[in-house]
Protein backbone atom coordinates (compact mmCIF):
# COMPACT_ATOMS: atom_id res chain seq x y z
CA MET A 1 -86.07 46.71 -11.39
CA ALA A 2 -85.67 48.38 -14.87
CA ARG A 3 -86.03 45.85 -17.86
CA VAL A 4 -83.80 46.65 -20.67
CA LEU A 5 -84.03 44.71 -24.16
CA ILE A 6 -80.77 44.64 -26.57
CA THR A 7 -81.17 43.63 -29.89
CA GLY A 8 -78.04 42.25 -31.29
CA ALA A 9 -76.85 41.31 -27.99
CA GLY A 10 -74.33 38.46 -29.35
CA GLY A 11 -72.45 41.05 -31.46
CA PHE A 12 -69.59 43.22 -30.31
CA LEU A 13 -71.05 46.38 -28.84
CA GLY A 14 -74.40 44.30 -27.81
CA ARG A 15 -71.92 41.98 -25.88
CA ASN A 16 -70.13 44.65 -24.08
CA LEU A 17 -73.31 46.37 -23.32
CA CYS A 18 -74.61 43.37 -21.56
CA TRP A 19 -71.67 43.06 -19.38
CA ARG A 20 -71.90 46.55 -18.62
CA PHE A 21 -75.25 46.31 -17.08
CA ALA A 22 -73.85 42.93 -15.43
CA SER A 23 -70.84 44.73 -13.77
CA GLU A 24 -73.30 47.40 -12.42
CA ASN A 25 -75.72 44.88 -10.90
CA ILE A 26 -72.76 43.39 -9.23
CA SER A 27 -71.35 46.64 -7.89
CA LYS A 28 -74.84 47.79 -6.85
CA ARG A 29 -75.00 44.34 -4.71
CA PHE A 30 -71.79 44.84 -3.19
CA HIS A 31 -72.45 48.56 -2.06
CA ALA A 32 -76.22 47.61 -1.04
CA GLN A 33 -77.18 48.57 2.48
CA ALA A 34 -78.97 45.48 4.65
CA GLY A 35 -82.75 45.95 3.81
CA ALA A 36 -82.13 48.79 1.19
CA PRO A 37 -83.98 48.04 -2.23
CA LEU A 38 -81.98 47.08 -5.19
CA GLU A 39 -82.07 49.10 -8.16
CA GLU A 40 -80.91 46.52 -10.63
CA VAL A 41 -81.40 46.22 -14.43
CA GLU A 42 -82.78 43.15 -15.78
CA VAL A 43 -81.27 42.42 -19.34
CA LEU A 44 -83.45 40.99 -22.05
CA THR A 45 -81.49 39.95 -25.02
CA PHE A 46 -82.36 39.67 -28.85
CA THR A 47 -79.97 37.55 -31.09
CA ARG A 48 -79.78 36.03 -34.33
CA GLN A 49 -81.19 32.81 -32.91
CA ASN A 50 -84.47 34.55 -31.87
CA SER A 51 -87.40 34.88 -34.10
CA LEU A 52 -89.69 37.81 -34.59
CA ASP A 53 -92.47 36.50 -32.45
CA ASP A 54 -89.76 36.47 -29.84
CA LEU A 55 -88.84 40.01 -30.54
CA ARG A 56 -92.35 41.36 -30.18
CA VAL A 57 -92.72 39.31 -26.75
CA LEU A 58 -89.43 40.83 -25.51
CA LEU A 59 -90.68 44.63 -26.74
CA ASP A 60 -93.83 44.14 -24.51
CA GLN A 61 -91.72 43.61 -21.45
CA ALA A 62 -89.19 46.39 -22.17
CA ASP A 63 -88.71 49.60 -20.31
CA PHE A 64 -85.77 50.55 -22.53
CA VAL A 65 -84.73 49.11 -26.06
CA TYR A 66 -81.20 49.45 -27.12
CA HIS A 67 -81.47 48.37 -30.87
CA LEU A 68 -78.14 47.34 -31.64
CA ALA A 69 -78.78 44.73 -34.33
CA GLY A 70 -77.36 45.45 -37.91
CA VAL A 71 -75.32 44.26 -40.54
CA ASN A 72 -72.44 45.82 -42.31
CA ARG A 73 -71.25 43.08 -44.08
CA PRO A 74 -73.79 40.89 -45.42
CA GLN A 75 -73.99 37.99 -47.88
CA PHE A 76 -76.33 39.63 -50.02
CA ASP A 77 -76.31 43.42 -50.80
CA GLN A 78 -80.27 43.52 -49.92
CA GLU A 79 -79.90 42.31 -46.34
CA PHE A 80 -78.52 45.93 -45.71
CA ASP A 81 -81.94 47.34 -46.04
CA GLN A 82 -83.79 44.18 -44.87
CA ILE A 83 -82.18 43.90 -41.67
CA ASN A 84 -80.88 47.72 -40.85
CA ARG A 85 -84.00 49.44 -41.90
CA GLY A 86 -86.40 46.32 -41.94
CA LEU A 87 -85.92 45.14 -38.47
CA THR A 88 -86.02 48.78 -37.13
CA GLU A 89 -89.13 49.24 -38.76
CA GLU A 90 -90.68 46.06 -37.32
CA ILE A 91 -89.85 47.35 -33.89
CA LEU A 92 -91.36 50.39 -34.30
CA HIS A 93 -94.75 49.05 -35.67
CA HIS A 94 -95.11 46.74 -33.03
CA LEU A 95 -94.67 49.38 -30.36
CA GLU A 96 -96.84 51.69 -32.14
CA ALA A 97 -99.74 49.15 -32.70
CA THR A 98 -99.56 48.40 -28.99
CA GLY A 99 -99.25 51.66 -27.37
CA HIS A 100 -96.17 50.87 -25.65
CA HIS A 101 -93.43 53.52 -26.19
CA PRO A 102 -90.43 52.98 -24.36
CA PRO A 103 -87.09 54.84 -25.06
CA VAL A 104 -85.40 53.22 -28.24
CA LEU A 105 -81.87 53.99 -28.44
CA PHE A 106 -80.30 53.06 -31.82
CA ALA A 107 -76.89 52.57 -32.77
CA SER A 108 -76.30 54.12 -36.06
CA SER A 109 -73.28 55.19 -38.17
CA THR A 110 -71.34 57.85 -39.35
CA GLN A 111 -71.60 56.43 -42.74
CA ALA A 112 -75.08 57.23 -42.65
CA GLU A 113 -73.99 60.52 -44.21
CA MET A 114 -72.38 58.50 -47.01
CA GLU A 115 -73.89 57.20 -50.21
CA ASN A 116 -73.06 53.59 -49.95
CA LEU A 117 -75.40 50.66 -49.24
CA TYR A 118 -74.66 50.44 -45.57
CA GLY A 119 -75.01 53.94 -44.88
CA LEU A 120 -78.26 54.36 -46.96
CA SER A 121 -79.70 51.45 -45.05
CA LYS A 122 -78.56 53.20 -41.73
CA LYS A 123 -80.01 56.62 -42.84
CA ALA A 124 -83.35 54.90 -43.52
CA ALA A 125 -83.47 53.32 -40.17
CA GLU A 126 -82.63 56.69 -38.70
CA HIS A 127 -85.54 58.14 -40.59
CA ALA A 128 -87.91 55.46 -39.77
CA LEU A 129 -87.10 56.57 -35.91
CA ILE A 130 -87.60 60.21 -36.53
CA ASN A 131 -91.06 59.63 -37.97
CA TYR A 132 -92.22 57.33 -35.41
CA HIS A 133 -90.95 60.06 -32.73
CA LYS A 134 -93.04 62.47 -34.79
CA ARG A 135 -96.18 60.52 -34.66
CA THR A 136 -96.13 58.70 -31.11
CA ARG A 137 -93.74 61.19 -29.15
CA GLY A 138 -92.14 57.84 -28.28
CA PRO A 139 -88.65 58.77 -26.79
CA VAL A 140 -85.80 58.20 -29.58
CA LEU A 141 -82.24 58.20 -29.22
CA ILE A 142 -79.86 58.10 -32.34
CA TYR A 143 -76.11 57.91 -31.89
CA GLN A 144 -73.82 57.89 -34.94
CA LEU A 145 -71.02 55.81 -34.18
CA THR A 146 -67.36 55.55 -35.96
CA ASN A 147 -64.77 52.79 -36.11
CA LEU A 148 -65.46 51.15 -32.71
CA PHE A 149 -62.69 49.21 -30.81
CA GLY A 150 -62.12 47.18 -27.77
CA LYS A 151 -62.43 43.63 -26.49
CA TRP A 152 -64.46 41.11 -28.23
CA CYS A 153 -64.66 42.86 -31.51
CA ARG A 154 -64.19 40.44 -34.39
CA PRO A 155 -61.00 40.38 -36.44
CA ASN A 156 -60.95 40.44 -40.03
CA TYR A 157 -64.25 41.71 -40.34
CA ASN A 158 -64.70 45.56 -40.14
CA SER A 159 -62.67 46.69 -37.39
CA VAL A 160 -58.80 47.64 -38.44
CA THR A 161 -57.91 47.76 -34.81
CA ALA A 162 -59.45 44.40 -34.04
CA THR A 163 -57.52 43.03 -37.02
CA PHE A 164 -54.23 44.36 -36.21
CA CYS A 165 -54.16 43.70 -32.45
CA HIS A 166 -55.22 39.86 -33.31
CA ASN A 167 -52.52 39.40 -36.10
CA LEU A 168 -49.76 40.84 -33.87
CA ALA A 169 -51.00 38.88 -30.65
CA HIS A 170 -50.85 35.70 -32.71
CA ASP A 171 -47.52 36.55 -34.78
CA LEU A 172 -49.32 37.41 -37.86
CA PRO A 173 -48.40 40.15 -40.39
CA ILE A 174 -50.34 43.12 -40.76
CA GLN A 175 -50.95 45.26 -44.10
CA ILE A 176 -51.32 48.85 -44.42
CA HIS A 177 -51.80 50.32 -47.80
CA ASP A 178 -51.66 54.04 -46.76
CA LYS A 179 -49.65 54.74 -43.54
CA SER A 180 -51.06 58.08 -43.63
CA HIS A 181 -54.70 57.50 -43.71
CA GLN A 182 -56.32 58.93 -40.76
CA ILE A 183 -59.29 57.66 -38.88
CA GLY A 184 -61.16 58.39 -35.87
CA LEU A 185 -61.54 55.63 -33.11
CA LEU A 186 -64.21 55.39 -30.49
CA TYR A 187 -63.81 52.92 -27.59
CA VAL A 188 -66.66 50.34 -26.78
CA ASP A 189 -66.44 51.24 -22.87
CA ASP A 190 -66.99 54.74 -23.58
CA VAL A 191 -69.94 53.97 -25.59
CA THR A 192 -71.26 51.47 -23.29
CA GLU A 193 -70.85 53.95 -20.36
CA GLU A 194 -72.82 56.48 -22.26
CA PHE A 195 -75.44 54.25 -23.14
CA SER A 196 -76.05 52.99 -19.70
CA SER A 197 -76.25 56.47 -18.36
CA ARG A 198 -79.08 57.30 -20.77
CA LEU A 199 -81.36 54.79 -18.88
CA LYS A 200 -82.47 57.33 -16.59
CA ASP A 201 -81.04 60.32 -18.32
CA TYR A 202 -82.47 61.24 -21.74
CA LEU A 203 -84.53 64.26 -23.11
CA PRO A 204 -87.82 62.99 -24.72
CA LYS A 205 -87.54 65.76 -27.33
CA GLN A 206 -83.95 65.31 -28.10
CA ILE A 207 -83.22 62.62 -31.11
CA GLN A 208 -79.75 62.98 -31.99
CA TYR A 209 -76.84 62.26 -29.22
CA HIS A 210 -73.12 62.34 -29.40
CA CYS A 211 -70.82 59.69 -27.97
CA GLY A 212 -67.18 60.60 -27.45
CA PRO A 213 -64.39 60.91 -27.16
CA THR A 214 -63.21 60.25 -30.73
CA TYR A 215 -59.36 59.87 -31.17
CA GLU A 216 -57.76 60.88 -34.43
CA ILE A 217 -54.88 58.52 -35.58
CA THR A 218 -53.17 57.43 -39.00
CA LEU A 219 -53.04 53.81 -39.47
CA GLY A 220 -49.05 54.01 -39.39
CA ASP A 221 -49.38 55.59 -35.87
CA LEU A 222 -51.54 52.90 -34.91
CA ALA A 223 -49.77 50.03 -36.24
CA GLU A 224 -46.53 51.37 -34.21
CA ARG A 225 -48.11 52.02 -31.15
CA LEU A 226 -49.72 48.32 -31.30
CA ARG A 227 -46.17 46.96 -32.39
CA GLY A 228 -44.78 48.73 -29.20
CA PHE A 229 -47.01 46.96 -26.82
CA VAL A 230 -45.85 43.49 -28.35
CA GLU A 231 -42.22 44.67 -27.85
CA SER A 232 -43.01 45.72 -24.40
CA ARG A 233 -43.24 42.18 -23.37
CA LYS A 234 -39.47 41.62 -24.19
CA ASN A 235 -38.00 45.20 -23.35
CA LEU A 236 -40.25 45.46 -20.30
CA PHE A 237 -41.09 49.23 -21.06
CA ILE A 238 -44.81 49.71 -20.46
CA PRO A 239 -46.51 52.36 -22.49
CA ASP A 240 -47.19 55.86 -21.12
CA PHE A 241 -50.73 55.24 -19.63
CA ALA A 242 -51.07 58.72 -18.98
CA ASP A 243 -52.50 58.88 -22.72
CA PRO A 244 -56.03 57.87 -22.61
CA LEU A 245 -55.81 56.39 -26.48
CA THR A 246 -52.77 54.47 -25.46
CA LYS A 247 -54.46 52.92 -22.00
CA LYS A 248 -57.62 51.96 -23.93
CA LEU A 249 -55.34 50.40 -26.92
CA TYR A 250 -53.51 48.42 -24.62
CA ALA A 251 -56.21 47.00 -22.94
CA THR A 252 -57.67 46.19 -26.43
CA TYR A 253 -54.45 44.59 -27.39
CA VAL A 254 -53.98 42.38 -24.27
CA SER A 255 -57.67 40.86 -24.73
CA TYR A 256 -56.45 39.46 -27.96
CA LEU A 257 -53.30 37.26 -26.76
CA LYS A 258 -53.67 33.76 -27.11
CA PRO A 259 -54.91 31.80 -24.16
CA GLY A 260 -51.50 29.95 -23.77
CA ASP A 261 -49.72 33.37 -24.21
CA PHE A 262 -50.67 35.30 -21.06
CA SER A 263 -47.43 34.90 -19.42
CA TYR A 264 -43.96 35.47 -20.51
CA PRO A 265 -40.38 35.02 -19.11
CA LEU A 266 -38.23 37.53 -17.02
CA THR A 267 -34.47 37.44 -17.01
CA MET A 268 -33.25 36.02 -13.55
CA ARG A 269 -29.90 37.05 -12.72
CA ASN A 270 -28.56 34.86 -9.90
CA ASP A 271 -25.18 34.86 -7.86
CA ALA A 272 -24.09 33.70 -4.50
CA ARG A 273 -26.51 36.44 -2.91
CA GLY A 274 -29.82 35.33 -4.47
CA SER A 275 -31.56 36.48 -7.60
CA LEU A 276 -32.68 39.67 -9.20
CA ALA A 277 -35.55 40.30 -12.06
CA GLU A 278 -36.51 43.41 -13.65
CA VAL A 279 -40.26 43.51 -13.93
CA VAL A 280 -41.51 46.40 -15.83
CA LYS A 281 -39.58 49.85 -16.96
CA SER A 282 -40.84 53.13 -17.91
CA PRO A 283 -39.21 56.52 -18.92
CA HIS A 284 -41.98 58.26 -17.00
CA PHE A 285 -42.62 55.95 -13.96
CA GLY A 286 -39.17 54.39 -13.55
CA GLN A 287 -38.74 50.76 -12.75
CA ILE A 288 -39.94 48.00 -10.66
CA PHE A 289 -37.51 44.86 -9.86
CA VAL A 290 -37.88 42.02 -7.35
CA SER A 291 -34.80 40.13 -5.62
CA THR A 292 -34.53 37.22 -3.48
CA THR A 293 -31.66 37.34 -0.71
CA LYS A 294 -30.33 34.17 0.92
CA PRO A 295 -30.07 33.89 4.79
CA GLY A 296 -27.25 35.99 6.29
CA VAL A 297 -26.72 37.78 2.97
CA THR A 298 -26.31 41.91 2.67
CA ARG A 299 -26.87 43.45 -0.57
CA GLY A 300 -26.03 47.27 -1.29
CA ASN A 301 -23.82 49.51 0.77
CA HIS A 302 -24.08 52.08 -1.87
CA PHE A 303 -25.82 55.52 -2.40
CA HIS A 304 -27.17 57.56 -5.10
CA HIS A 305 -27.03 61.41 -5.96
CA THR A 306 -30.72 61.81 -7.59
CA LYS A 307 -32.02 58.18 -8.15
CA VAL A 308 -34.54 57.57 -5.57
CA GLU A 309 -35.82 54.05 -4.56
CA LYS A 310 -38.36 52.49 -2.66
CA PHE A 311 -37.92 48.98 -1.01
CA ILE A 312 -40.67 46.61 0.15
CA VAL A 313 -40.07 43.41 1.73
CA ILE A 314 -42.86 41.00 0.81
CA GLN A 315 -41.30 37.84 2.26
CA GLY A 316 -38.96 36.99 5.14
CA GLU A 317 -37.08 39.22 7.81
CA GLY A 318 -34.48 41.77 7.23
CA LEU A 319 -32.84 44.70 8.20
CA ILE A 320 -32.38 47.79 6.37
CA GLU A 321 -29.65 50.46 7.32
CA PHE A 322 -28.43 53.74 6.36
CA ARG A 323 -25.74 56.05 6.70
CA GLN A 324 -25.61 59.90 5.41
CA VAL A 325 -22.53 59.69 3.44
CA ASP A 326 -20.71 62.22 5.35
CA GLN A 327 -22.03 61.28 8.73
CA GLU A 328 -21.35 58.56 11.09
CA GLU A 329 -24.72 57.56 12.66
CA ILE A 330 -26.35 54.30 11.30
CA LEU A 331 -30.22 53.97 11.23
CA GLN A 332 -31.85 50.91 11.18
CA TYR A 333 -35.25 49.61 9.95
CA PRO A 334 -36.32 46.23 10.68
CA VAL A 335 -38.58 44.96 7.92
CA SER A 336 -40.65 41.86 7.67
CA GLY A 337 -43.16 40.29 5.12
CA GLU A 338 -45.74 39.72 7.98
CA GLN A 339 -45.96 43.48 8.06
CA ILE A 340 -45.36 45.17 4.61
CA GLN A 341 -44.23 48.80 4.86
CA VAL A 342 -42.58 50.82 2.11
CA LEU A 343 -39.10 52.51 2.88
CA ASP A 344 -37.91 55.42 1.03
CA ILE A 345 -34.39 55.29 0.07
CA PRO A 346 -32.79 59.06 0.19
CA THR A 347 -30.25 60.33 -1.83
CA GLY A 348 -27.02 61.02 -0.08
CA TYR A 349 -27.29 57.87 2.12
CA THR A 350 -25.64 54.71 1.65
CA HIS A 351 -27.80 51.95 2.56
CA ARG A 352 -28.00 48.25 2.49
CA ILE A 353 -30.49 45.64 3.11
CA THR A 354 -29.49 42.34 5.53
CA ASN A 355 -31.74 38.91 5.46
CA THR A 356 -31.74 38.33 9.34
CA SER A 357 -33.30 34.88 9.10
CA LYS A 358 -30.99 31.91 9.26
CA THR A 359 -33.28 29.70 7.08
CA LYS A 360 -36.01 31.52 4.88
CA GLU A 361 -35.06 33.64 1.90
CA LEU A 362 -35.57 37.46 1.70
CA VAL A 363 -38.05 38.54 -1.13
CA THR A 364 -37.88 42.39 -1.69
CA LEU A 365 -39.76 44.41 -4.31
CA PHE A 366 -37.92 47.51 -5.44
CA TRP A 367 -38.95 50.56 -7.25
CA SER A 368 -36.46 52.77 -8.97
CA CYS A 369 -37.42 56.34 -10.17
CA GLU A 370 -35.60 55.72 -13.24
CA PRO A 371 -34.87 52.58 -15.64
CA PHE A 372 -31.52 51.17 -14.89
CA ASN A 373 -28.82 52.92 -17.26
CA PRO A 374 -25.46 50.83 -16.94
CA GLU A 375 -23.95 54.11 -18.81
CA ALA A 376 -25.20 56.37 -16.03
CA PRO A 377 -26.09 54.43 -13.14
CA ASP A 378 -25.95 56.96 -10.42
CA THR A 379 -24.89 53.97 -8.07
CA TYR A 380 -21.52 54.53 -5.83
CA PHE A 381 -20.31 51.85 -3.63
CA LEU A 382 -19.74 52.94 -0.14
CA GLU A 383 -19.58 50.65 3.03
CA LEU A 384 -21.82 51.51 5.78
């Protein structure tokens, strides 16, 4: 069993890395064969609540050190150097003194190339690591990270994405001074995946490492995408998740929803036949909706030229019938929630679904290849 030490384990990146290893351990247990040894990872954590004596004890136990602790918004300017450089040197001095040289992965910043107090302190920590490697040959992995975003990032601190997501999810305004300003975004799960992979895959002589992908986006575009996520809970149009950045931003946005705001209502259309509600829509994926049909009631008796649908009965019993529009033969498919199946509704076939139960409602999930457009519904009434 490998032991990894994560400094800054209570912070945004540290918390996500801890749960990356926890998730991998859960997966290993699930897939482990009987009697096979488990190669789990034991995580040792160092946070603000620990002392330097605690740190030394943890370092002696570690097979790999993830040094993520640092400050970028301290109360006093001198804390930049005291913590970002000073804590790094404290770690390296102890490792060198004990002759114990586990790999040390350091979360630096692209600001290490800039002339500000935070950047200078990160660059000083990098130099300390490089010099330690030269003296001891102890493995060192330095990553310069930029604009991390993802779940659990603190809003109104140093992440514009976290601030925008939090404010929009809490019905608060967002402020943008320059919509055209471009930033590079790095997703926290991409970082933790990269970091965990290095536990057994690093080059002893390599020092600088890269983590990606980095997504370039303007502040105006970022805000517009996030506002679209808010509106999607009203208009039901889900984003285009084929775009990796959109998928990651959406996952981030929903993590900031208020605990009492996870659900949102759908519009139920009720009539004598039962009810119908649209669930999600997409110009790329189509539309999903759900209906209830009362006992003995029939829905449909129409056909489509281009619109393709799928019917899935998830509760109750029914009969789906088809007839090609210019033919007389009627095809019948009994359906039941006891044996869920998907029925394709071919174009050019008039079709209907009937609840054959005398007592129970029929619940059906529908998919259509396009959102319903009342101005061009491609739906034509024709009795079977």
